[in-house]
Amino acid sequence: MKISTLLSCITLLIVSCSTCQNQSTSKNAAKAIDYAKTISSNNLKENLYTFSSDDFEGRKTGEPGQKKASEFIKNHYIALGIPSPIAEGDYFQEIPASFFNGEATNGSENVLAYIKGSEKPDEVVIISAHLDHIGISKDGDVNNGADDDGSGTVAIIEIAKAFKTALDKGDGPKRSVLFLHVTGEEIGLYGSRYYADVDPVFPLENTVANLNIDMIGRVDSKHENQRNYLYLIGSDKLSKELHNISENVNKKYFNMKFDYTYNEDNDPNRFYYRSDHYNFAKNNIPVIFYFNGTHADYHKPTDTPDKIEYDVLETRTRLIFHTAWELANRDERIKLD
């Protein structure tokens, strides 16, 4: 009888713990949905119309328009009450002109803000996008870069706002989340290389993953009849667990079509090597590169904010937030293969 009673108690305890864990997971998912809803197409549109306006002169690395873009981003984080990990009030990771090998006559800067983790603050999830573009054409036309990569820039600001809303309501992430706006992408991935190779504000060995956003505001010709899609690149290169988490988040909340065409090892476009995530991947940090594909306005003055599909941008931004939320809040850090 004693053994039978003991076994019954153990069984009850296991079931009870499992039920509590399931309830906790469900509650956490419900909260994530609420916070994701703070990401709105209206805010994305308002910010992008400013960020990709002629006033920013095409955001060429080191030039006044790019400096203005950095200030725009910094001021958003100040207004949101999200601090910098560098020093109080100092959101700029300064990069000297000499680092750019003549590609930029002036120095430039990455813009960093973060939310400190509540339980594992030394582990960090990095969400990145590049703030620069290609400047003004010889004929005087401004290359506004609304999709490339204004879309990624404003997406990160909205994701950061969602995490800050969670923090203010007592639901801050377990791990730290770094919002990294890098410079010099268009001339050689310089900003992300500086962060990864010269001055990683958070040690690379403590970096859980990098979610990199580069062009997510448009629909390419392949998907004109299925707008609810996104190209993913790199998700399974270093961690199949990351890939599976990404897939599960999508199936749970969005059921978006993930297109892995550009993820193939023999992809002639070699996009895996052509955006800022690569400087993390080369350091054995799992990455996902989110991308809508190219279009006729790529690197042209016609890449303007009126051509962005803001409902699509909203959905994609919420997807990336949910993925970051999962990575930042799961019990165990994702593992490398």
C-alpha atoms as a PDB file:
ATOM      1  CA  MET A   1       0.000   0.000   0.000  1.00  0.00           C
ATOM      2  CA  LYS A   2       2.802   2.407   0.884  1.00  0.00           C
ATOM      3  CA  ILE A   3       4.568   1.789  -2.423  1.00  0.00           C
ATOM      4  CA  SER A   4       1.307   2.173  -4.328  1.00  0.00           C
ATOM      5  CA  THR A   5       0.554   5.448  -2.546  1.00  0.00           C
ATOM      6  CA  LEU A   6       4.057   6.752  -3.220  1.00  0.00           C
ATOM      7  CA  LEU A   7       3.783   5.908  -6.933  1.00  0.00           C
ATOM      8  CA  SER A   8       0.422   7.647  -7.098  1.00  0.00           C
ATOM      9  CA  CYS A   9       1.873  10.772  -5.481  1.00  0.00           C
ATOM     10  CA  ILE A  10       4.831  10.805  -7.892  1.00  0.00           C
ATOM     11  CA  THR A  11       2.493  10.382 -10.874  1.00  0.00           C
ATOM     12  CA  LEU A  12       0.272  13.194  -9.603  1.00  0.00           C
ATOM     13  CA  LEU A  13       3.302  15.433  -9.104  1.00  0.00           C
ATOM     14  CA  ILE A  14       4.582  14.768 -12.633  1.00  0.00           C
ATOM     15  CA  VAL A  15       1.169  15.457 -14.173  1.00  0.00           C
ATOM     16  CA  SER A  16       0.783  18.596 -12.063  1.00  0.00           C
ATOM     17  CA  CYS A  17       4.228  19.923 -13.080  1.00  0.00           C
ATOM     18  CA  SER A  18       3.507  19.157 -16.719  1.00  0.00           C
ATOM     19  CA  THR A  19       0.154  20.954 -16.510  1.00  0.00           C
ATOM     20  CA  CYS A  20       1.767  24.004 -14.883  1.00  0.00           C
ATOM     21  CA  GLN A  21       4.475  24.089 -17.526  1.00  0.00           C
ATOM     22  CA  ASN A  22       1.914  23.855 -20.321  1.00  0.00           C
ATOM     23  CA  GLN A  23      -0.148  26.632 -18.736  1.00  0.00           C
ATOM     24  CA  SER A  24       2.950  28.805 -18.399  1.00  0.00           C
ATOM     25  CA  THR A  25       3.890  28.196 -22.036  1.00  0.00           C
ATOM     26  CA  SER A  26       0.368  29.004 -23.165  1.00  0.00           C
ATOM     27  CA  LYS A  27       0.286  32.171 -21.075  1.00  0.00           C
ATOM     28  CA  ASN A  28       3.650  33.279 -22.473  1.00  0.00           C
ATOM     29  CA  ALA A  29       2.413  32.711 -26.018  1.00  0.00           C
ATOM     30  CA  ALA A  30      -0.706  34.766 -25.355  1.00  0.00           C
ATOM     31  CA  LYS A  31       1.407  37.617 -24.062  1.00  0.00           C
ATOM     32  CA  ALA A  32       3.624  37.437 -27.145  1.00  0.00           C
ATOM     33  CA  ILE A  33       0.541  37.822 -29.348  1.00  0.00           C
ATOM     34  CA  ASP A  34      -0.546  40.924 -27.417  1.00  0.00           C
ATOM     35  CA  TYR A  35       2.876  42.529 -27.636  1.00  0.00           C
ATOM     36  CA  ALA A  36       3.219  41.695 -31.322  1.00  0.00           C
ATOM     37  CA  LYS A  37       0.011  43.632 -31.936  1.00  0.00           C
ATOM     38  CA  THR A  38       1.798  46.834 -30.899  1.00  0.00           C
ATOM     39  CA  ILE A  39       3.678  46.540 -34.200  1.00  0.00           C
ATOM     40  CA  SER A  40       1.505  48.484 -36.628  1.00  0.00           C
ATOM     41  CA  SER A  41       1.568  49.287 -40.322  1.00  0.00           C
ATOM     42  CA  ASN A  42       0.761  52.920 -39.502  1.00  0.00           C
ATOM     43  CA  ASN A  43       3.864  53.347 -37.359  1.00  0.00           C
ATOM     44  CA  LEU A  44       6.021  51.522 -39.880  1.00  0.00           C
ATOM     45  CA  LYS A  45       4.705  53.779 -42.638  1.00  0.00           C
ATOM     46  CA  GLU A  46       5.152  57.003 -40.701  1.00  0.00           C
ATOM     47  CA  ASN A  47       8.740  56.177 -39.762  1.00  0.00           C
ATOM     48  CA  LEU A  48       9.690  54.926 -43.202  1.00  0.00           C
ATOM     49  CA  TYR A  49       8.343  57.967 -45.029  1.00  0.00           C
ATOM     50  CA  THR A  50      10.697  60.048 -42.899  1.00  0.00           C
ATOM     51  CA  PHE A  51      13.673  57.705 -42.912  1.00  0.00           C
ATOM     52  CA  SER A  52      13.643  57.252 -46.701  1.00  0.00           C
ATOM     53  CA  SER A  53      12.829  60.857 -47.571  1.00  0.00           C
ATOM     54  CA  ASP A  54      15.071  63.099 -49.667  1.00  0.00           C
ATOM     55  CA  ASP A  55      16.140  64.858 -46.467  1.00  0.00           C
ATOM     56  CA  PHE A  56      18.355  61.852 -45.692  1.00  0.00           C
ATOM     57  CA  GLU A  57      20.141  62.163 -49.049  1.00  0.00           C
ATOM     58  CA  GLY A  58      20.278  58.424 -49.698  1.00  0.00           C
ATOM     59  CA  ARG A  59      22.138  57.703 -46.426  1.00  0.00           C
ATOM     60  CA  LYS A  60      25.545  57.158 -48.028  1.00  0.00           C
ATOM     61  CA  THR A  61      28.037  55.882 -45.445  1.00  0.00           C
ATOM     62  CA  GLY A  62      29.833  58.706 -43.669  1.00  0.00           C
ATOM     63  CA  GLU A  63      27.867  61.472 -45.384  1.00  0.00           C
ATOM     64  CA  PRO A  64      25.530  64.003 -43.670  1.00  0.00           C
ATOM     65  CA  GLY A  65      22.385  62.110 -44.701  1.00  0.00           C
ATOM     66  CA  GLN A  66      23.636  58.923 -43.080  1.00  0.00           C
ATOM     67  CA  LYS A  67      24.542  60.864 -39.932  1.00  0.00           C
ATOM     68  CA  LYS A  68      21.005  62.220 -39.895  1.00  0.00           C
ATOM     69  CA  ALA A  69      19.697  58.670 -40.199  1.00  0.00           C
ATOM     70  CA  SER A  70      21.738  57.613 -37.164  1.00  0.00           C
ATOM     71  CA  GLU A  71      20.329  60.506 -35.160  1.00  0.00           C
ATOM     72  CA  PHE A  72      16.799  59.565 -36.231  1.00  0.00           C
ATOM     73  CA  ILE A  73      17.281  56.032 -34.903  1.00  0.00           C
ATOM     74  CA  LYS A  74      18.945  57.182 -31.687  1.00  0.00           C
ATOM     75  CA  ASN A  75      16.168  59.653 -30.941  1.00  0.00           C
ATOM     76  CA  HIS A  76      13.567  56.900 -31.298  1.00  0.00           C
ATOM     77  CA  TYR A  77      15.306  54.809 -28.658  1.00  0.00           C
ATOM     78  CA  ILE A  78      15.600  57.779 -26.356  1.00  0.00           C
ATOM     79  CA  ALA A  79      11.888  58.504 -26.789  1.00  0.00           C
ATOM     80  CA  LEU A  80      11.034  54.859 -26.101  1.00  0.00           C
ATOM     81  CA  GLY A  81      13.230  54.806 -22.992  1.00  0.00           C
ATOM     82  CA  ILE A  82      15.400  51.983 -24.338  1.00  0.00           C
ATOM     83  CA  PRO A  83      19.028  52.415 -23.228  1.00  0.00           C
ATOM     84  CA  SER A  84      22.323  51.849 -24.991  1.00  0.00           C
ATOM     85  CA  PRO A  85      24.638  49.012 -23.919  1.00  0.00           C
ATOM     86  CA  ILE A  86      27.677  51.218 -24.589  1.00  0.00           C
ATOM     87  CA  ALA A  87      27.181  53.972 -22.013  1.00  0.00           C
ATOM     88  CA  GLU A  88      24.327  56.078 -20.746  1.00  0.00           C
ATOM     89  CA  GLY A  89      23.117  58.293 -23.579  1.00  0.00           C
ATOM     90  CA  ASP A  90      25.807  57.021 -25.987  1.00  0.00           C
ATOM     91  CA  TYR A  91      24.106  54.982 -28.703  1.00  0.00           C
ATOM     92  CA  PHE A  92      26.874  55.236 -31.300  1.00  0.00           C
ATOM     93  CA  GLN A  93      29.592  52.659 -31.820  1.00  0.00           C
ATOM     94  CA  GLU A  94      32.066  54.922 -33.589  1.00  0.00           C
ATOM     95  CA  ILE A  95      33.959  53.471 -36.558  1.00  0.00           C
ATOM     96  CA  PRO A  96      37.017  55.427 -37.780  1.00  0.00           C
ATOM     97  CA  ALA A  97      37.398  56.360 -41.436  1.00  0.00           C
ATOM     98  CA  SER A  98      40.577  54.256 -41.613  1.00  0.00           C
ATOM     99  CA  PHE A  99      38.511  51.082 -41.107  1.00  0.00           C
ATOM    100  CA  PHE A 100      36.671  51.642 -44.379  1.00  0.00           C
ATOM    101  CA  ASN A 101      39.796  51.316 -46.598  1.00  0.00           C
ATOM    102  CA  GLY A 102      38.920  54.515 -48.498  1.00  0.00           C
ATOM    103  CA  GLU A 103      35.309  53.420 -49.111  1.00  0.00           C
ATOM    104  CA  ALA A 104      34.076  56.195 -46.816  1.00  0.00           C
ATOM    105  CA  THR A 105      35.959  59.472 -46.494  1.00  0.00           C
ATOM    106  CA  ASN A 106      34.413  60.133 -43.088  1.00  0.00           C
ATOM    107  CA  GLY A 107      34.011  57.874 -40.137  1.00  0.00           C
ATOM    108  CA  SER A 108      30.627  56.383 -39.405  1.00  0.00           C
ATOM    109  CA  GLU A 109      28.778  54.635 -36.622  1.00  0.00           C
ATOM    110  CA  ASN A 110      26.594  51.714 -35.736  1.00  0.00           C
ATOM    111  CA  VAL A 111      23.580  52.528 -33.563  1.00  0.00           C
ATOM    112  CA  LEU A 112      22.961  50.210 -30.608  1.00  0.00           C
ATOM    113  CA  ALA A 113      20.150  49.885 -28.083  1.00  0.00           C
ATOM    114  CA  TYR A 114      19.193  46.957 -25.881  1.00  0.00           C
ATOM    115  CA  ILE A 115      16.876  45.476 -23.316  1.00  0.00           C
ATOM    116  CA  LYS A 116      18.654  43.655 -20.517  1.00  0.00           C
ATOM    117  CA  GLY A 117      17.580  40.096 -19.833  1.00  0.00           C
ATOM    118  CA  SER A 118      15.859  39.355 -16.544  1.00  0.00           C
ATOM    119  CA  GLU A 119      17.342  35.891 -15.950  1.00  0.00           C
ATOM    120  CA  LYS A 120      20.245  35.418 -18.380  1.00  0.00           C
ATOM    121  CA  PRO A 121      21.436  38.951 -19.133  1.00  0.00           C
ATOM    122  CA  ASP A 122      24.832  37.798 -20.393  1.00  0.00           C
ATOM    123  CA  GLU A 123      23.225  35.834 -23.235  1.00  0.00           C
ATOM    124  CA  VAL A 124      22.089  38.023 -26.112  1.00  0.00           C
ATOM    125  CA  VAL A 125      19.871  37.756 -29.170  1.00  0.00           C
ATOM    126  CA  ILE A 126      20.907  40.279 -31.846  1.00  0.00           C
ATOM    127  CA  ILE A 127      18.405  41.744 -34.288  1.00  0.00           C
ATOM    128  CA  SER A 128      20.176  43.653 -37.055  1.00  0.00           C
ATOM    129  CA  ALA A 129      19.528  45.772 -40.140  1.00  0.00           C
ATOM    130  CA  HIS A 130      21.692  48.235 -42.053  1.00  0.00           C
ATOM    131  CA  LEU A 131      20.917  51.938 -41.857  1.00  0.00           C
ATOM    132  CA  ASP A 132      22.991  53.077 -44.854  1.00  0.00           C
ATOM    133  CA  HIS A 133      22.172  53.156 -48.559  1.00  0.00           C
ATOM    134  CA  ILE A 134      23.942  54.301 -51.753  1.00  0.00           C
ATOM    135  CA  GLY A 135      23.438  58.065 -51.622  1.00  0.00           C
ATOM    136  CA  ILE A 136      22.747  60.447 -54.515  1.00  0.00           C
ATOM    137  CA  SER A 137      23.185  59.470 -58.178  1.00  0.00           C
ATOM    138  CA  LYS A 138      25.450  61.497 -60.473  1.00  0.00           C
ATOM    139  CA  ASP A 139      22.386  63.093 -62.043  1.00  0.00           C
ATOM    140  CA  GLY A 140      21.244  64.325 -58.639  1.00  0.00           C
ATOM    141  CA  ASP A 141      18.509  61.753 -57.998  1.00  0.00           C
ATOM    142  CA  VAL A 142      18.271  60.583 -54.398  1.00  0.00           C
ATOM    143  CA  ASN A 143      18.373  56.831 -53.835  1.00  0.00           C
ATOM    144  CA  ASN A 144      15.916  56.696 -50.956  1.00  0.00           C
ATOM    145  CA  GLY A 145      16.366  53.001 -50.131  1.00  0.00           C
ATOM    146  CA  ALA A 146      12.885  52.549 -48.711  1.00  0.00           C
ATOM    147  CA  ASP A 147      13.020  48.780 -49.018  1.00  0.00           C
ATOM    148  CA  ASP A 148      16.830  48.569 -48.888  1.00  0.00           C
ATOM    149  CA  ASP A 149      17.013  48.802 -45.961  1.00  0.00           C
ATOM    150  CA  GLY A 150      14.601  51.347 -44.620  1.00  0.00           C
ATOM    151  CA  SER A 151      12.122  48.491 -44.201  1.00  0.00           C
ATOM    152  CA  GLY A 152      14.496  46.582 -41.931  1.00  0.00           C
ATOM    153  CA  THR A 153      15.387  49.693 -39.958  1.00  0.00           C
ATOM    154  CA  VAL A 154      11.822  50.657 -39.078  1.00  0.00           C
ATOM    155  CA  ALA A 155      10.985  47.005 -38.413  1.00  0.00           C
ATOM    156  CA  ILE A 156      13.646  46.826 -35.697  1.00  0.00           C
ATOM    157  CA  ILE A 157      12.366  50.020 -34.080  1.00  0.00           C
ATOM    158  CA  GLU A 158       8.869  48.513 -33.904  1.00  0.00           C
ATOM    159  CA  ILE A 159      10.215  45.206 -32.551  1.00  0.00           C
ATOM    160  CA  ALA A 160      12.145  47.127 -29.907  1.00  0.00           C
ATOM    161  CA  LYS A 161       8.978  48.991 -28.934  1.00  0.00           C
ATOM    162  CA  ALA A 162       7.141  45.676 -28.538  1.00  0.00           C
ATOM    163  CA  PHE A 163       9.850  44.308 -26.236  1.00  0.00           C
ATOM    164  CA  LYS A 164       9.836  47.550 -24.233  1.00  0.00           C
ATOM    165  CA  THR A 165       6.068  47.320 -23.831  1.00  0.00           C
ATOM    166  CA  ALA A 166       6.548  43.806 -22.481  1.00  0.00           C
ATOM    167  CA  LEU A 167       9.279  45.003 -20.118  1.00  0.00           C
ATOM    168  CA  ASP A 168       7.113  47.815 -18.787  1.00  0.00           C
ATOM    169  CA  LYS A 169       4.387  45.281 -17.980  1.00  0.00           C
ATOM    170  CA  GLY A 170       6.764  42.985 -16.120  1.00  0.00           C
ATOM    171  CA  ASP A 171       7.336  40.582 -18.996  1.00  0.00           C
ATOM    172  CA  GLY A 172      10.860  41.507 -20.031  1.00  0.00           C
ATOM    173  CA  PRO A 173      12.836  38.844 -21.934  1.00  0.00           C
ATOM    174  CA  LYS A 174      14.928  36.299 -20.039  1.00  0.00           C
ATOM    175  CA  ARG A 175      17.894  36.993 -22.304  1.00  0.00           C
ATOM    176  CA  SER A 176      19.149  40.372 -23.438  1.00  0.00           C
ATOM    177  CA  VAL A 177      18.051  41.615 -26.843  1.00  0.00           C
ATOM    178  CA  LEU A 178      20.352  43.899 -28.833  1.00  0.00           C
ATOM    179  CA  PHE A 179      18.916  46.130 -31.532  1.00  0.00           C
ATOM    180  CA  LEU A 180      21.857  46.646 -33.873  1.00  0.00           C
ATOM    181  CA  HIS A 181      21.652  49.149 -36.731  1.00  0.00           C
ATOM    182  CA  VAL A 182      24.831  48.766 -38.752  1.00  0.00           C
ATOM    183  CA  THR A 183      26.465  51.156 -41.185  1.00  0.00           C
ATOM    184  CA  GLY A 184      28.533  50.543 -44.303  1.00  0.00           C
ATOM    185  CA  GLU A 185      26.647  47.487 -45.543  1.00  0.00           C
ATOM    186  CA  GLU A 186      26.353  48.721 -49.104  1.00  0.00           C
ATOM    187  CA  ILE A 187      30.106  49.223 -49.429  1.00  0.00           C
ATOM    188  CA  GLY A 188      31.214  45.937 -47.898  1.00  0.00           C
ATOM    189  CA  LEU A 189      29.398  44.912 -44.670  1.00  0.00           C
ATOM    190  CA  TYR A 190      31.731  47.185 -42.718  1.00  0.00           C
ATOM    191  CA  GLY A 191      29.512  47.984 -39.727  1.00  0.00           C
ATOM    192  CA  SER A 192      28.680  44.383 -38.900  1.00  0.00           C
ATOM    193  CA  ARG A 193      32.301  43.392 -39.480  1.00  0.00           C
ATOM    194  CA  TYR A 194      33.452  46.089 -37.066  1.00  0.00           C
ATOM    195  CA  TYR A 195      31.026  44.858 -34.424  1.00  0.00           C
ATOM    196  CA  ALA A 196      31.930  41.185 -34.889  1.00  0.00           C
ATOM    197  CA  ASP A 197      35.685  41.417 -35.534  1.00  0.00           C
ATOM    198  CA  VAL A 198      36.799  44.533 -33.658  1.00  0.00           C
ATOM    199  CA  ASP A 199      34.407  45.564 -30.918  1.00  0.00           C
ATOM    200  CA  PRO A 200      31.689  43.074 -29.986  1.00  0.00           C
ATOM    201  CA  VAL A 201      29.860  44.918 -27.225  1.00  0.00           C
ATOM    202  CA  PHE A 202      28.552  41.546 -26.064  1.00  0.00           C
ATOM    203  CA  PRO A 203      31.103  38.700 -26.313  1.00  0.00           C
ATOM    204  CA  LEU A 204      30.471  36.573 -29.387  1.00  0.00           C
ATOM    205  CA  GLU A 205      30.514  33.408 -27.315  1.00  0.00           C
ATOM    206  CA  ASN A 206      27.494  34.787 -25.433  1.00  0.00           C
ATOM    207  CA  THR A 207      25.584  35.633 -28.600  1.00  0.00           C
ATOM    208  CA  VAL A 208      22.721  33.178 -29.046  1.00  0.00           C
ATOM    209  CA  ALA A 209      21.672  34.102 -32.586  1.00  0.00           C
ATOM    210  CA  ASN A 210      21.481  36.911 -35.121  1.00  0.00           C
ATOM    211  CA  LEU A 211      18.214  37.722 -36.882  1.00  0.00           C
ATOM    212  CA  ASN A 212      19.142  39.980 -39.797  1.00  0.00           C
ATOM    213  CA  ILE A 213      16.537  41.984 -41.715  1.00  0.00           C
ATOM    214  CA  ASP A 214      17.445  43.313 -45.160  1.00  0.00           C
ATOM    215  CA  MET A 215      14.521  44.248 -47.455  1.00  0.00           C
ATOM    216  CA  ILE A 216      11.153  42.997 -46.178  1.00  0.00           C
ATOM    217  CA  GLY A 217       8.735  45.628 -47.514  1.00  0.00           C
ATOM    218  CA  ARG A 218       8.017  44.489 -51.047  1.00  0.00           C
ATOM    219  CA  VAL A 219       6.690  41.512 -53.025  1.00  0.00           C
ATOM    220  CA  ASP A 220       8.824  40.088 -55.817  1.00  0.00           C
ATOM    221  CA  SER A 221       7.503  38.925 -59.187  1.00  0.00           C
ATOM    222  CA  LYS A 222       7.645  35.253 -58.176  1.00  0.00           C
ATOM    223  CA  HIS A 223       5.120  35.782 -55.386  1.00  0.00           C
ATOM    224  CA  GLU A 224       2.699  38.298 -56.867  1.00  0.00           C
ATOM    225  CA  ASN A 225      -0.171  35.878 -56.300  1.00  0.00           C
ATOM    226  CA  GLN A 226       0.971  34.862 -52.820  1.00  0.00           C
ATOM    227  CA  ARG A 227       1.986  37.937 -50.862  1.00  0.00           C
ATOM    228  CA  ASN A 228       2.209  36.097 -47.550  1.00  0.00           C
ATOM    229  CA  TYR A 229       5.753  34.802 -48.059  1.00  0.00           C
ATOM    230  CA  LEU A 230       9.340  35.507 -47.059  1.00  0.00           C
ATOM    231  CA  TYR A 231      12.713  34.217 -48.166  1.00  0.00           C
ATOM    232  CA  LEU A 232      14.762  32.741 -45.322  1.00  0.00           C
ATOM    233  CA  ILE A 233      18.480  32.250 -45.710  1.00  0.00           C
ATOM    234  CA  GLY A 234      20.901  30.568 -43.318  1.00  0.00           C
ATOM    235  CA  SER A 235      18.462  29.260 -40.720  1.00  0.00           C
ATOM    236  CA  ASP A 236      19.724  25.663 -40.966  1.00  0.00           C
ATOM    237  CA  LYS A 237      23.388  26.326 -41.726  1.00  0.00           C
ATOM    238  CA  LEU A 238      24.659  26.202 -38.144  1.00  0.00           C
ATOM    239  CA  SER A 239      21.742  25.122 -35.967  1.00  0.00           C
ATOM    240  CA  LYS A 240      18.864  22.934 -37.061  1.00  0.00           C
ATOM    241  CA  GLU A 241      17.264  23.777 -33.749  1.00  0.00           C
ATOM    242  CA  LEU A 242      17.086  27.424 -34.836  1.00  0.00           C
ATOM    243  CA  HIS A 243      15.551  26.360 -38.136  1.00  0.00           C
ATOM    244  CA  ASN A 244      12.932  24.233 -36.357  1.00  0.00           C
ATOM    245  CA  ILE A 245      12.075  27.022 -33.916  1.00  0.00           C
ATOM    246  CA  SER A 246      11.619  29.403 -36.829  1.00  0.00           C
ATOM    247  CA  GLU A 247       9.361  26.948 -38.636  1.00  0.00           C
ATOM    248  CA  ASN A 248       7.290  26.241 -35.523  1.00  0.00           C
ATOM    249  CA  VAL A 249       6.782  29.932 -34.752  1.00  0.00           C
ATOM    250  CA  ASN A 250       5.588  30.500 -38.297  1.00  0.00           C
ATOM    251  CA  LYS A 251       3.160  27.573 -38.236  1.00  0.00           C
ATOM    252  CA  LYS A 252       1.795  28.593 -34.849  1.00  0.00           C
ATOM    253  CA  TYR A 253       1.130  32.238 -35.599  1.00  0.00           C
ATOM    254  CA  PHE A 254       1.285  33.019 -39.329  1.00  0.00           C
ATOM    255  CA  ASN A 255       1.400  30.070 -41.722  1.00  0.00           C
ATOM    256  CA  MET A 256       3.504  32.175 -44.051  1.00  0.00           C
ATOM    257  CA  LYS A 257       5.203  30.552 -47.036  1.00  0.00           C
ATOM    258  CA  PHE A 258       8.920  30.338 -46.291  1.00  0.00           C
ATOM    259  CA  ASP A 259      10.886  30.234 -49.530  1.00  0.00           C
ATOM    260  CA  TYR A 260      14.344  28.663 -49.177  1.00  0.00           C
ATOM    261  CA  THR A 261      15.400  29.095 -52.805  1.00  0.00           C
ATOM    262  CA  TYR A 262      18.267  31.419 -51.905  1.00  0.00           C
ATOM    263  CA  ASN A 263      19.356  29.172 -49.046  1.00  0.00           C
ATOM    264  CA  GLU A 264      20.708  26.519 -51.400  1.00  0.00           C
ATOM    265  CA  ASP A 265      24.490  26.076 -51.190  1.00  0.00           C
ATOM    266  CA  ASN A 266      24.767  26.443 -54.960  1.00  0.00           C
ATOM    267  CA  ASP A 267      22.606  29.588 -55.165  1.00  0.00           C
ATOM    268  CA  PRO A 268      24.311  31.747 -57.827  1.00  0.00           C
ATOM    269  CA  ASN A 269      23.186  34.957 -56.070  1.00  0.00           C
ATOM    270  CA  ARG A 270      25.224  34.029 -52.973  1.00  0.00           C
ATOM    271  CA  PHE A 271      22.923  36.108 -50.771  1.00  0.00           C
ATOM    272  CA  TYR A 272      24.120  34.166 -47.718  1.00  0.00           C
ATOM    273  CA  TYR A 273      27.421  36.006 -48.024  1.00  0.00           C
ATOM    274  CA  ARG A 274      26.005  39.398 -49.000  1.00  0.00           C
ATOM    275  CA  SER A 275      24.323  40.836 -45.936  1.00  0.00           C
ATOM    276  CA  ASP A 276      25.328  41.557 -42.367  1.00  0.00           C
ATOM    277  CA  HIS A 277      24.361  38.211 -40.854  1.00  0.00           C
ATOM    278  CA  TYR A 278      27.405  36.677 -42.540  1.00  0.00           C
ATOM    279  CA  ASN A 279      29.811  38.411 -40.157  1.00  0.00           C
ATOM    280  CA  PHE A 280      28.070  36.561 -37.342  1.00  0.00           C
ATOM    281  CA  ALA A 281      27.754  33.260 -39.183  1.00  0.00           C
ATOM    282  CA  LYS A 282      31.486  33.212 -39.950  1.00  0.00           C
ATOM    283  CA  ASN A 283      31.987  33.374 -36.162  1.00  0.00           C
ATOM    284  CA  ASN A 284      29.792  30.305 -35.656  1.00  0.00           C
ATOM    285  CA  ILE A 285      26.743  32.230 -34.498  1.00  0.00           C
ATOM    286  CA  PRO A 286      23.422  30.857 -35.831  1.00  0.00           C
ATOM    287  CA  VAL A 287      21.652  33.306 -38.140  1.00  0.00           C
ATOM    288  CA  ILE A 288      18.465  33.907 -40.067  1.00  0.00           C
ATOM    289  CA  PHE A 289      18.428  36.370 -42.943  1.00  0.00           C
ATOM    290  CA  TYR A 290      14.929  37.674 -43.764  1.00  0.00           C
ATOM    291  CA  PHE A 291      14.515  38.921 -47.338  1.00  0.00           C
ATOM    292  CA  ASN A 292      11.674  39.662 -49.773  1.00  0.00           C
ATOM    293  CA  GLY A 293      13.773  39.147 -52.901  1.00  0.00           C
ATOM    294  CA  THR A 294      14.916  41.716 -55.427  1.00  0.00           C
ATOM    295  CA  HIS A 295      12.725  43.933 -57.605  1.00  0.00           C
ATOM    296  CA  ALA A 296      13.061  46.405 -60.461  1.00  0.00           C
ATOM    297  CA  ASP A 297      13.683  49.310 -58.043  1.00  0.00           C
ATOM    298  CA  TYR A 298      16.642  47.660 -56.307  1.00  0.00           C
ATOM    299  CA  HIS A 299      19.469  50.227 -55.932  1.00  0.00           C
ATOM    300  CA  LYS A 300      17.549  52.807 -57.943  1.00  0.00           C
ATOM    301  CA  PRO A 301      15.981  56.179 -57.060  1.00  0.00           C
ATOM    302  CA  THR A 302      12.610  54.490 -57.537  1.00  0.00           C
ATOM    303  CA  ASP A 303      12.958  52.477 -54.294  1.00  0.00           C
ATOM    304  CA  THR A 304      10.544  54.833 -52.551  1.00  0.00           C
ATOM    305  CA  PRO A 305       8.205  54.482 -49.544  1.00  0.00           C
ATOM    306  CA  ASP A 306       5.015  54.664 -51.607  1.00  0.00           C
ATOM    307  CA  LYS A 307       5.887  51.264 -53.096  1.00  0.00           C
ATOM    308  CA  ILE A 308       6.136  49.489 -49.762  1.00  0.00           C
ATOM    309  CA  GLU A 309       3.289  47.099 -48.955  1.00  0.00           C
ATOM    310  CA  TYR A 310       2.768  48.057 -45.344  1.00  0.00           C
ATOM    311  CA  ASP A 311       0.352  45.285 -44.399  1.00  0.00           C
ATOM    312  CA  VAL A 312       2.945  42.761 -45.576  1.00  0.00           C
ATOM    313  CA  LEU A 313       5.701  44.620 -43.739  1.00  0.00           C
ATOM    314  CA  GLU A 314       3.631  44.540 -40.553  1.00  0.00           C
ATOM    315  CA  THR A 315       3.096  40.773 -40.742  1.00  0.00           C
ATOM    316  CA  ARG A 316       6.743  40.055 -41.447  1.00  0.00           C
ATOM    317  CA  THR A 317       7.868  42.317 -38.615  1.00  0.00           C
ATOM    318  CA  ARG A 318       5.533  40.546 -36.209  1.00  0.00           C
ATOM    319  CA  LEU A 319       6.905  37.186 -37.356  1.00  0.00           C
ATOM    320  CA  ILE A 320      10.468  38.278 -36.583  1.00  0.00           C
ATOM    321  CA  PHE A 321       9.363  39.612 -33.196  1.00  0.00           C
ATOM    322  CA  HIS A 322       7.758  36.265 -32.321  1.00  0.00           C
ATOM    323  CA  THR A 323      10.926  34.422 -33.347  1.00  0.00           C
ATOM    324  CA  ALA A 324      13.102  36.747 -31.264  1.00  0.00           C
ATOM    325  CA  TRP A 325      10.668  36.403 -28.347  1.00  0.00           C
ATOM    326  CA  GLU A 326      10.983  32.623 -28.463  1.00  0.00           C
ATOM    327  CA  LEU A 327      14.786  32.721 -28.643  1.00  0.00           C
ATOM    328  CA  ALA A 328      15.016  35.226 -25.814  1.00  0.00           C
ATOM    329  CA  ASN A 329      12.599  33.413 -23.487  1.00  0.00           C
ATOM    330  CA  ARG A 330      13.140  29.680 -23.973  1.00  0.00           C
ATOM    331  CA  ASP A 331      14.694  27.806 -21.037  1.00  0.00           C
ATOM    332  CA  GLU A 332      17.761  26.542 -22.856  1.00  0.00           C
ATOM    333  CA  ARG A 333      19.969  28.409 -25.286  1.00  0.00           C
ATOM    334  CA  ILE A 334      19.752  27.010 -28.820  1.00  0.00           C
ATOM    335  CA  LYS A 335      22.513  24.585 -29.684  1.00  0.00           C
ATOM    336  CA  LEU A 336      24.955  24.476 -32.571  1.00  0.00           C
ATOM    337  CA  ASP A 337      24.979  21.343 -34.699  1.00  0.00           C
END
